[in-house]
Amino acid sequence: MEPVKTPQQCQSEYEADHEQDTYTGRAITILAAWKEDFEPMATTKKSANAASTIVGRQELTKYIATQAQLTQKKAAEVLETTLDHIRDSLKAGHEVRLVGFGLFKVRRSAARKGVNPRDRKPINVPAKD
């Protein structure tokens, strides 16, 4: 196990590679060095021109059309047929297992007693099918 470094040791290691802001001091210099190792958790708001990160039916249809060398209309029919069959199988009570992707199944919950969060009175929660 490596010994914990002091802020002064970290600062001296990174001083050559990073400029030190005289207003904010050395803690910012250390954080700036560590910042390079991690991806930011918060994302910035993207403009309307930026590519969307959501994959929906349209993106799936385009991908299927490209990969299978089909027209987008034919690819849309393939996608809809696949989704319809998955939906029908789930409604019939079957599990849909796509190896390497996921398992889909309908969960049923039994009726139970709960508590109203506003007034803390007991309530009966109905079963969900």
Protein backbone atom coordinates (compact mmCIF):
# COMPACT_ATOMS: atom_id res chain seq x y z
CA MET A 1 0.00 0.00 0.00
CA GLU A 2 1.40 3.37 -1.03
CA PRO A 3 1.77 6.02 1.66
CA VAL A 4 -0.64 8.94 1.45
CA LYS A 5 0.98 11.99 -0.13
CA THR A 6 0.72 15.42 1.40
CA PRO A 7 -0.70 18.29 -0.67
CA GLN A 8 2.82 19.72 -0.89
CA GLN A 9 4.16 16.48 -2.40
CA CYS A 10 1.32 16.36 -4.91
CA GLN A 11 1.87 19.97 -5.80
CA SER A 12 5.57 19.50 -6.46
CA GLU A 13 4.89 16.46 -8.67
CA TYR A 14 2.39 18.29 -10.82
CA GLU A 15 3.84 21.79 -10.75
CA ALA A 16 5.92 21.24 -13.87
CA ASP A 17 2.91 20.10 -15.89
CA HIS A 18 0.28 22.47 -14.52
CA GLU A 19 0.18 26.19 -14.06
CA GLN A 20 -0.65 27.33 -10.60
CA ASP A 21 -3.34 29.96 -10.24
CA THR A 22 -2.01 32.52 -7.80
CA TYR A 23 -5.51 33.59 -6.77
CA THR A 24 -6.89 30.14 -5.92
CA GLY A 25 -3.74 28.56 -4.53
CA ARG A 26 -2.27 25.09 -4.62
CA ALA A 27 -5.43 23.06 -3.89
CA ILE A 28 -6.77 24.01 -7.30
CA THR A 29 -3.49 22.98 -8.88
CA ILE A 30 -3.78 19.52 -7.27
CA LEU A 31 -7.41 19.17 -8.33
CA ALA A 32 -6.51 20.25 -11.86
CA ALA A 33 -3.96 17.43 -12.01
CA TRP A 34 -6.47 14.83 -10.79
CA LYS A 35 -9.18 16.20 -13.05
CA GLU A 36 -7.35 14.86 -16.11
CA ASP A 37 -7.77 11.28 -14.84
CA PHE A 38 -11.56 11.42 -14.50
CA GLU A 39 -14.46 12.08 -16.83
CA PRO A 40 -16.84 14.78 -15.62
CA MET A 41 -20.07 13.42 -14.13
CA ALA A 42 -22.25 16.35 -15.11
CA THR A 43 -22.82 16.92 -18.78
CA THR A 44 -23.26 20.28 -20.35
CA LYS A 45 -26.45 21.16 -22.11
CA LYS A 46 -26.07 20.36 -25.78
CA SER A 47 -27.23 22.65 -28.52
CA ALA A 48 -29.90 21.60 -31.00
CA ASN A 49 -27.16 20.94 -33.58
CA ALA A 50 -25.32 18.47 -31.37
CA ALA A 51 -25.86 14.74 -31.96
CA SER A 52 -28.41 13.15 -29.65
CA THR A 53 -27.30 10.44 -27.24
CA ILE A 54 -30.76 8.87 -27.11
CA VAL A 55 -31.27 5.84 -29.31
CA GLY A 56 -34.89 5.51 -30.35
CA ARG A 57 -36.84 3.77 -33.09
CA GLN A 58 -35.60 6.11 -35.79
CA GLU A 59 -31.93 5.52 -34.91
CA LEU A 60 -32.48 1.77 -34.67
CA THR A 61 -34.27 1.77 -38.02
CA LYS A 62 -31.40 3.63 -39.69
CA TYR A 63 -28.87 1.25 -38.18
CA ILE A 64 -30.80 -1.85 -39.26
CA ALA A 65 -31.19 -0.41 -42.76
CA THR A 66 -27.45 0.23 -43.01
CA GLN A 67 -26.30 -3.08 -41.57
CA ALA A 68 -28.79 -5.31 -43.41
CA GLN A 69 -28.69 -3.25 -46.62
CA LEU A 70 -32.44 -2.63 -46.51
CA THR A 71 -34.52 0.44 -47.18
CA GLN A 72 -35.48 2.41 -44.10
CA LYS A 73 -39.12 1.51 -44.71
CA LYS A 74 -38.32 -2.22 -44.74
CA ALA A 75 -36.05 -1.83 -41.68
CA ALA A 76 -38.87 -0.04 -39.83
CA GLU A 77 -41.18 -2.98 -40.62
CA VAL A 78 -38.58 -5.43 -39.30
CA LEU A 79 -38.16 -3.44 -36.09
CA GLU A 80 -41.91 -3.07 -35.55
CA THR A 81 -42.49 -6.78 -36.17
CA THR A 82 -39.79 -7.66 -33.65
CA LEU A 83 -41.16 -5.29 -31.01
CA ASP A 84 -44.72 -6.52 -31.63
CA HIS A 85 -43.67 -10.12 -31.11
CA ILE A 86 -41.81 -9.24 -27.90
CA ARG A 87 -44.85 -7.30 -26.66
CA ASP A 88 -47.25 -10.16 -27.53
CA SER A 89 -45.01 -12.73 -25.84
CA LEU A 90 -44.90 -10.65 -22.65
CA LYS A 91 -48.67 -10.21 -22.68
CA ALA A 92 -49.05 -13.99 -22.98
CA GLY A 93 -46.96 -14.40 -19.82
CA HIS A 94 -43.76 -15.63 -21.47
CA GLU A 95 -40.22 -14.47 -20.75
CA VAL A 96 -38.22 -13.01 -23.61
CA ARG A 97 -34.52 -13.82 -23.30
CA LEU A 98 -32.04 -12.25 -25.71
CA VAL A 99 -28.67 -13.78 -24.86
CA GLY A 100 -26.04 -11.09 -24.53
CA PHE A 101 -28.67 -8.35 -24.25
CA GLY A 102 -31.23 -8.97 -21.54
CA LEU A 103 -34.21 -10.76 -20.09
CA PHE A 104 -37.70 -9.30 -20.28
CA LYS A 105 -40.59 -10.51 -18.16
CA VAL A 106 -43.75 -9.09 -16.70
CA ARG A 107 -43.69 -8.83 -12.93
CA ARG A 108 -46.86 -9.03 -10.94
CA SER A 109 -47.09 -7.60 -7.47
CA ALA A 110 -49.50 -8.83 -4.84
CA ALA A 111 -51.84 -6.56 -2.93
CA ARG A 112 -50.22 -5.11 0.15
CA LYS A 113 -50.66 -2.63 2.93
CA GLY A 114 -48.91 0.70 2.62
CA VAL A 115 -48.73 4.07 4.32
CA ASN A 116 -49.96 7.37 2.90
CA PRO A 117 -46.89 9.63 3.10
CA ARG A 118 -48.97 12.78 3.65
CA ASP A 119 -50.96 11.77 6.69
CA ARG A 120 -49.24 8.50 7.68
CA LYS A 121 -52.54 6.59 7.61
CA PRO A 122 -52.50 2.95 6.48
CA ILE A 123 -53.84 2.25 2.98
CA ASN A 124 -54.40 -0.86 0.90
CA VAL A 125 -52.32 -0.97 -2.29
CA PRO A 126 -54.03 -3.08 -4.98
CA ALA A 127 -52.29 -5.86 -6.90
CA LYS A 128 -50.65 -4.86 -10.19
CA ASP A 129 -50.88 -7.10 -13.21
